């Protein structure tokens, strides 16, 4: 993957302190993404458990006029 190789090359060109900050940011973003994915899954399960009729997307869009 060219983008990954370019990113690694740029990361290697940074000072050790700067690269540590960048790596910490990347780790924080990965953790945030994991938390968001977990929350999305929980929300989806909760929505599926709600009572009521399921509507196809096309029908919902038509009813909402979008």
PDB file of N, CA and C in Angstrom:
ATOM      1  N   UNK A   1       0.847  -1.177   0.000  1.00  0.00           N
ATOM      2  CA  UNK A   1       0.000   0.000   0.000  1.00  0.00           C
ATOM      3  C   UNK A   1       0.890   1.236   0.000  1.00  0.00           C
ATOM      4  N   UNK A   2       0.766   2.017  -1.030  1.00  0.00           N
ATOM      5  CA  UNK A   2       1.618   3.184  -1.190  1.00  0.00           C
ATOM      6  C   UNK A   2       1.375   4.204  -0.086  1.00  0.00           C
ATOM      7  N   UNK A   3       0.141   4.467   0.278  1.00  0.00           N
ATOM      8  CA  UNK A   3      -0.166   5.470   1.297  1.00  0.00           C
ATOM      9  C   UNK A   3       0.457   5.101   2.631  1.00  0.00           C
ATOM     10  N   UNK A   4       0.411   3.839   2.991  1.00  0.00           N
ATOM     11  CA  UNK A   4       0.996   3.392   4.254  1.00  0.00           C
ATOM     12  C   UNK A   4       2.500   3.547   4.210  1.00  0.00           C
ATOM     13  N   UNK A   5       3.113   3.164   3.095  1.00  0.00           N
ATOM     14  CA  UNK A   5       4.565   3.302   2.952  1.00  0.00           C
ATOM     15  C   UNK A   5       4.988   4.763   3.039  1.00  0.00           C
ATOM     16  N   UNK A   6       4.229   5.647   2.411  1.00  0.00           N
ATOM     17  CA  UNK A   6       4.537   7.078   2.472  1.00  0.00           C
ATOM     18  C   UNK A   6       4.392   7.602   3.895  1.00  0.00           C
ATOM     19  N   UNK A   7       3.349   7.171   4.582  1.00  0.00           N
ATOM     20  CA  UNK A   7       3.132   7.619   5.959  1.00  0.00           C
ATOM     21  C   UNK A   7       4.259   7.146   6.859  1.00  0.00           C
ATOM     22  N   UNK A   8       4.681   5.895   6.688  1.00  0.00           N
ATOM     23  CA  UNK A   8       5.782   5.364   7.493  1.00  0.00           C
ATOM     24  C   UNK A   8       7.078   6.112   7.198  1.00  0.00           C
ATOM     25  N   UNK A   9       7.311   6.424   5.959  1.00  0.00           N
ATOM     26  CA  UNK A   9       8.510   7.169   5.579  1.00  0.00           C
ATOM     27  C   UNK A   9       8.518   8.547   6.236  1.00  0.00           C
ATOM     28  N   UNK A  10       7.384   9.217   6.206  1.00  0.00           N
ATOM     29  CA  UNK A  10       7.284  10.538   6.838  1.00  0.00           C
ATOM     30  C   UNK A  10       7.435  10.433   8.348  1.00  0.00           C
ATOM     31  N   UNK A  11       6.877   9.394   8.927  1.00  0.00           N
ATOM     32  CA  UNK A  11       6.981   9.192  10.370  1.00  0.00           C
ATOM     33  C   UNK A  11       8.437   8.973  10.775  1.00  0.00           C
ATOM     34  N   UNK A  12       9.166   8.239   9.964  1.00  0.00           N
ATOM     35  CA  UNK A  12      10.581   8.001  10.261  1.00  0.00           C
ATOM     36  C   UNK A  12      11.403   9.279  10.180  1.00  0.00           C
ATOM     37  N   UNK A  13      10.947  10.246   9.398  1.00  0.00           N
ATOM     38  CA  UNK A  13      11.711  11.489   9.232  1.00  0.00           C
ATOM     39  C   UNK A  13      11.480  12.474  10.377  1.00  0.00           C
ATOM     40  N   UNK A  14      10.509  12.192  11.249  1.00  0.00           N
ATOM     41  CA  UNK A  14      10.227  13.074  12.380  1.00  0.00           C
ATOM     42  C   UNK A  14      11.217  12.834  13.510  1.00  0.00           C
ATOM     43  N   UNK A  15      11.328  13.836  14.369  1.00  0.00           N
ATOM     44  CA  UNK A  15      12.151  13.657  15.569  1.00  0.00           C
ATOM     45  C   UNK A  15      11.500  12.591  16.445  1.00  0.00           C
ATOM     46  N   UNK A  16      12.284  11.957  17.315  1.00  0.00           N
ATOM     47  CA  UNK A  16      11.694  10.927  18.188  1.00  0.00           C
ATOM     48  C   UNK A  16      10.525  11.446  19.024  1.00  0.00           C
ATOM     49  N   UNK A  17      10.638  12.648  19.564  1.00  0.00           N
ATOM     50  CA  UNK A  17       9.538  13.204  20.357  1.00  0.00           C
ATOM     51  C   UNK A  17       8.293  13.422  19.504  1.00  0.00           C
ATOM     52  N   UNK A  18       8.518  13.991  18.340  1.00  0.00           N
ATOM     53  CA  UNK A  18       7.390  14.275  17.443  1.00  0.00           C
ATOM     54  C   UNK A  18       6.719  12.973  16.993  1.00  0.00           C
ATOM     55  N   UNK A  19       7.529  11.970  16.672  1.00  0.00           N
ATOM     56  CA  UNK A  19       6.945  10.704  16.220  1.00  0.00           C
ATOM     57  C   UNK A  19       6.168  10.032  17.351  1.00  0.00           C
ATOM     58  N   UNK A  20       6.614  10.181  18.587  1.00  0.00           N
ATOM     59  CA  UNK A  20       5.873   9.626  19.722  1.00  0.00           C
ATOM     60  C   UNK A  20       4.515  10.300  19.853  1.00  0.00           C
ATOM     61  N   UNK A  21       4.468  11.606  19.633  1.00  0.00           N
ATOM     62  CA  UNK A  21       3.187  12.328  19.689  1.00  0.00           C
ATOM     63  C   UNK A  21       2.243  11.857  18.583  1.00  0.00           C
ATOM     64  N   UNK A  22       2.796  11.673  17.392  1.00  0.00           N
ATOM     65  CA  UNK A  22       1.978  11.214  16.270  1.00  0.00           C
ATOM     66  C   UNK A  22       1.451   9.808  16.550  1.00  0.00           C
ATOM     67  N   UNK A  23       2.310   8.938  17.043  1.00  0.00           N
ATOM     68  CA  UNK A  23       1.870   7.577  17.353  1.00  0.00           C
ATOM     69  C   UNK A  23       0.807   7.570  18.448  1.00  0.00           C
ATOM     70  N   UNK A  24       0.958   8.441  19.440  1.00  0.00           N
ATOM     71  CA  UNK A  24      -0.050   8.524  20.504  1.00  0.00           C
ATOM     72  C   UNK A  24      -1.388   8.970  19.928  1.00  0.00           C
ATOM     73  N   UNK A  25      -1.360   9.925  19.003  1.00  0.00           N
ATOM     74  CA  UNK A  25      -2.603  10.369  18.357  1.00  0.00           C
ATOM     75  C   UNK A  25      -3.246   9.239  17.561  1.00  0.00           C
ATOM     76  N   UNK A  26      -2.434   8.488  16.846  1.00  0.00           N
ATOM     77  CA  UNK A  26      -2.957   7.373  16.062  1.00  0.00           C
ATOM     78  C   UNK A  26      -3.599   6.336  16.982  1.00  0.00           C
ATOM     79  N   UNK A  27      -2.940   6.036  18.097  1.00  0.00           N
ATOM     80  CA  UNK A  27      -3.504   5.083  19.051  1.00  0.00           C
ATOM     81  C   UNK A  27      -4.819   5.601  19.634  1.00  0.00           C
ATOM     82  N   UNK A  28      -4.862   6.905  19.953  1.00  0.00           N
ATOM     83  CA  UNK A  28      -6.095   7.493  20.478  1.00  0.00           C
ATOM     84  C   UNK A  28      -7.222   7.409  19.459  1.00  0.00           C
ATOM     85  N   UNK A  29      -6.902   7.693  18.196  1.00  0.00           N
ATOM     86  CA  UNK A  29      -7.923   7.617  17.142  1.00  0.00           C
ATOM     87  C   UNK A  29      -8.414   6.193  16.953  1.00  0.00           C
ATOM     88  N   UNK A  30      -7.508   5.234  17.025  1.00  0.00           N
ATOM     89  CA  UNK A  30      -7.913   3.831  16.895  1.00  0.00           C
ATOM     90  C   UNK A  30      -8.825   3.429  18.046  1.00  0.00           C
ATOM     91  N   UNK A  31      -8.493   3.888  19.255  1.00  0.00           N
ATOM     92  CA  UNK A  31      -9.346   3.583  20.406  1.00  0.00           C
ATOM     93  C   UNK A  31     -10.719   4.234  20.264  1.00  0.00           C
ATOM     94  N   UNK A  32     -10.746   5.473  19.794  1.00  0.00           N
ATOM     95  CA  UNK A  32     -12.026   6.153  19.561  1.00  0.00           C
ATOM     96  C   UNK A  32     -12.864   5.404  18.531  1.00  0.00           C
ATOM     97  N   UNK A  33     -12.219   4.949  17.463  1.00  0.00           N
ATOM     98  CA  UNK A  33     -12.937   4.207  16.427  1.00  0.00           C
ATOM     99  C   UNK A  33     -13.528   2.920  16.993  1.00  0.00           C
ATOM    100  N   UNK A  34     -12.773   2.241  17.835  1.00  0.00           N
ATOM    101  CA  UNK A  34     -13.260   1.020  18.469  1.00  0.00           C
ATOM    102  C   UNK A  34     -14.474   1.309  19.339  1.00  0.00           C
ATOM    103  N   UNK A  35     -14.392   2.387  20.123  1.00  0.00           N
ATOM    104  CA  UNK A  35     -15.519   2.764  20.982  1.00  0.00           C
ATOM    105  C   UNK A  35     -16.749   3.136  20.159  1.00  0.00           C
ATOM    106  N   UNK A  36     -16.532   3.869  19.071  1.00  0.00           N
ATOM    107  CA  UNK A  36     -17.653   4.247  18.204  1.00  0.00           C
ATOM    108  C   UNK A  36     -18.290   3.017  17.566  1.00  0.00           C
ATOM    109  N   UNK A  37     -17.464   2.086  17.123  1.00  0.00           N
ATOM    110  CA  UNK A  37     -17.994   0.855  16.521  1.00  0.00           C
ATOM    111  C   UNK A  37     -18.813   0.067  17.533  1.00  0.00           C
ATOM    112  N   UNK A  38     -18.317  -0.008  18.757  1.00  0.00           N
ATOM    113  CA  UNK A  38     -19.047  -0.715  19.810  1.00  0.00           C
ATOM    114  C   UNK A  38     -20.390  -0.038  20.076  1.00  0.00           C
ATOM    115  N   UNK A  39     -20.376   1.297  20.147  1.00  0.00           N
ATOM    116  CA  UNK A  39     -21.616   2.033  20.390  1.00  0.00           C
ATOM    117  C   UNK A  39     -22.584   1.851  19.225  1.00  0.00           C
ATOM    118  N   UNK A  40     -22.078   1.871  18.000  1.00  0.00           N
ATOM    119  CA  UNK A  40     -22.931   1.658  16.830  1.00  0.00           C
ATOM    120  C   UNK A  40     -23.595   0.283  16.882  1.00  0.00           C
ATOM    121  N   UNK A  41     -22.827  -0.732  17.262  1.00  0.00           N
ATOM    122  CA  UNK A  41     -23.380  -2.091  17.348  1.00  0.00           C
ATOM    123  C   UNK A  41     -24.451  -2.165  18.433  1.00  0.00           C
ATOM    124  N   UNK A  42     -24.192  -1.542  19.575  1.00  0.00           N
ATOM    125  CA  UNK A  42     -25.184  -1.534  20.652  1.00  0.00           C
ATOM    126  C   UNK A  42     -26.450  -0.807  20.215  1.00  0.00           C
ATOM    127  N   UNK A  43     -26.286   0.321  19.529  1.00  0.00           N
ATOM    128  CA  UNK A  43     -27.449   1.073  19.043  1.00  0.00           C
ATOM    129  C   UNK A  43     -28.246   0.264  18.026  1.00  0.00           C
ATOM    130  N   UNK A  44     -27.541  -0.449  17.153  1.00  0.00           N
ATOM    131  CA  UNK A  44     -28.227  -1.260  16.143  1.00  0.00           C
ATOM    132  C   UNK A  44     -29.015  -2.387  16.804  1.00  0.00           C
ATOM    133  N   UNK A  45     -28.418  -3.040  17.789  1.00  0.00           N
ATOM    134  CA  UNK A  45     -29.130  -4.115  18.494  1.00  0.00           C
ATOM    135  C   UNK A  45     -30.358  -3.565  19.227  1.00  0.00           C
ATOM    136  N   UNK A  46     -30.211  -2.396  19.834  1.00  0.00           N
ATOM    137  CA  UNK A  46     -31.338  -1.788  20.539  1.00  0.00           C
ATOM    138  C   UNK A  46     -32.451  -1.430  19.553  1.00  0.00           C
ATOM    139  N   UNK A  47     -32.079  -0.909  18.393  1.00  0.00           N
ATOM    140  CA  UNK A  47     -33.084  -0.547  17.392  1.00  0.00           C
ATOM    141  C   UNK A  47     -33.814  -1.777  16.876  1.00  0.00           C
ATOM    142  N   UNK A  48     -33.082  -2.855  16.682  1.00  0.00           N
ATOM    143  CA  UNK A  48     -33.713  -4.089  16.209  1.00  0.00           C
ATOM    144  C   UNK A  48     -34.656  -4.675  17.246  1.00  0.00           C
ATOM    145  N   UNK A  49     -34.390  -4.402  18.512  1.00  0.00           N
ATOM    146  CA  UNK A  49     -35.230  -4.952  19.586  1.00  0.00           C
ATOM    147  C   UNK A  49     -36.482  -4.110  19.832  1.00  0.00           C
ATOM    148  N   UNK A  50     -36.555  -2.923  19.223  1.00  0.00           N
ATOM    149  CA  UNK A  50     -37.718  -2.063  19.434  1.00  0.00           C
ATOM    150  C   UNK A  50     -38.957  -2.706  18.821  1.00  0.00           C
ATOM    151  N   UNK A  51     -40.089  -2.556  19.501  1.00  0.00           N
ATOM    152  CA  UNK A  51     -41.321  -3.111  18.932  1.00  0.00           C
ATOM    153  C   UNK A  51     -41.780  -2.274  17.741  1.00  0.00           C
ATOM    154  N   UNK A  52     -42.577  -2.866  16.928  1.00  0.00           N
ATOM    155  CA  UNK A  52     -43.148  -2.141  15.805  1.00  0.00           C
ATOM    156  C   UNK A  52     -42.789  -2.787  14.489  1.00  0.00           C
ATOM    157  N   UNK A  53     -43.367  -2.231  13.446  1.00  0.00           N
ATOM    158  CA  UNK A  53     -43.203  -2.769  12.110  1.00  0.00           C
ATOM    159  C   UNK A  53     -41.897  -2.264  11.491  1.00  0.00           C
ATOM    160  N   UNK A  54     -41.189  -3.156  10.819  1.00  0.00           N
ATOM    161  CA  UNK A  54     -40.000  -2.756  10.073  1.00  0.00           C
ATOM    162  C   UNK A  54     -40.444  -2.223   8.717  1.00  0.00           C
ATOM    163  N   UNK A  55     -39.850  -1.114   8.298  1.00  0.00           N
ATOM    164  CA  UNK A  55     -40.173  -0.525   7.008  1.00  0.00           C
ATOM    165  C   UNK A  55     -38.969  -0.605   6.087  1.00  0.00           C
ATOM    166  N   UNK A  56     -39.176  -0.944   4.831  1.00  0.00           N
ATOM    167  CA  UNK A  56     -38.080  -0.875   3.872  1.00  0.00           C
ATOM    168  C   UNK A  56     -37.644   0.579   3.696  1.00  0.00           C
ATOM    169  N   UNK A  57     -36.372   0.793   3.416  1.00  0.00           N
ATOM    170  CA  UNK A  57     -35.836   2.140   3.267  1.00  0.00           C
ATOM    171  C   UNK A  57     -36.602   2.930   2.213  1.00  0.00           C
ATOM    172  N   UNK A  58     -36.942   2.295   1.110  1.00  0.00           N
ATOM    173  CA  UNK A  58     -37.652   2.989   0.033  1.00  0.00           C
ATOM    174  C   UNK A  58     -39.007   3.514   0.518  1.00  0.00           C
ATOM    175  N   UNK A  59     -39.703   2.708   1.307  1.00  0.00           N
ATOM    176  CA  UNK A  59     -41.008   3.126   1.831  1.00  0.00           C
ATOM    177  C   UNK A  59     -40.847   4.286   2.814  1.00  0.00           C
ATOM    178  N   UNK A  60     -39.872   4.211   3.676  1.00  0.00           N
ATOM    179  CA  UNK A  60     -39.626   5.281   4.624  1.00  0.00           C
ATOM    180  C   UNK A  60     -39.264   6.569   3.912  1.00  0.00           C
ATOM    181  N   UNK A  61     -38.409   6.482   2.908  1.00  0.00           N
ATOM    182  CA  UNK A  61     -38.016   7.666   2.145  1.00  0.00           C
ATOM    183  C   UNK A  61     -39.225   8.283   1.447  1.00  0.00           C
ATOM    184  N   UNK A  62     -40.087   7.434   0.904  1.00  0.00           N
ATOM    185  CA  UNK A  62     -41.289   7.942   0.235  1.00  0.00           C
ATOM    186  C   UNK A  62     -42.198   8.629   1.244  1.00  0.00           C
ATOM    187  N   UNK A  63     -42.365   8.028   2.419  1.00  0.00           N
ATOM    188  CA  UNK A  63     -43.231   8.639   3.443  1.00  0.00           C
ATOM    189  C   UNK A  63     -42.658   9.967   3.944  1.00  0.00           C
ATOM    190  N   UNK A  64     -41.345  10.052   3.976  1.00  0.00           N
ATOM    191  CA  UNK A  64     -40.703  11.298   4.435  1.00  0.00           C
ATOM    192  C   UNK A  64     -40.521  12.306   3.319  1.00  0.00           C
ATOM    193  N   UNK A  65     -40.778  11.878   2.083  1.00  0.00           N
ATOM    194  CA  UNK A  65     -40.672  12.783   0.942  1.00  0.00           C
ATOM    195  C   UNK A  65     -39.222  13.100   0.556  1.00  0.00           C
ATOM    196  N   UNK A  66     -38.351  12.133   0.784  1.00  0.00           N
ATOM    197  CA  UNK A  66     -36.946  12.359   0.396  1.00  0.00           C
ATOM    198  C   UNK A  66     -36.514  11.429  -0.697  1.00  0.00           C
TER     199      UNK A  66
END
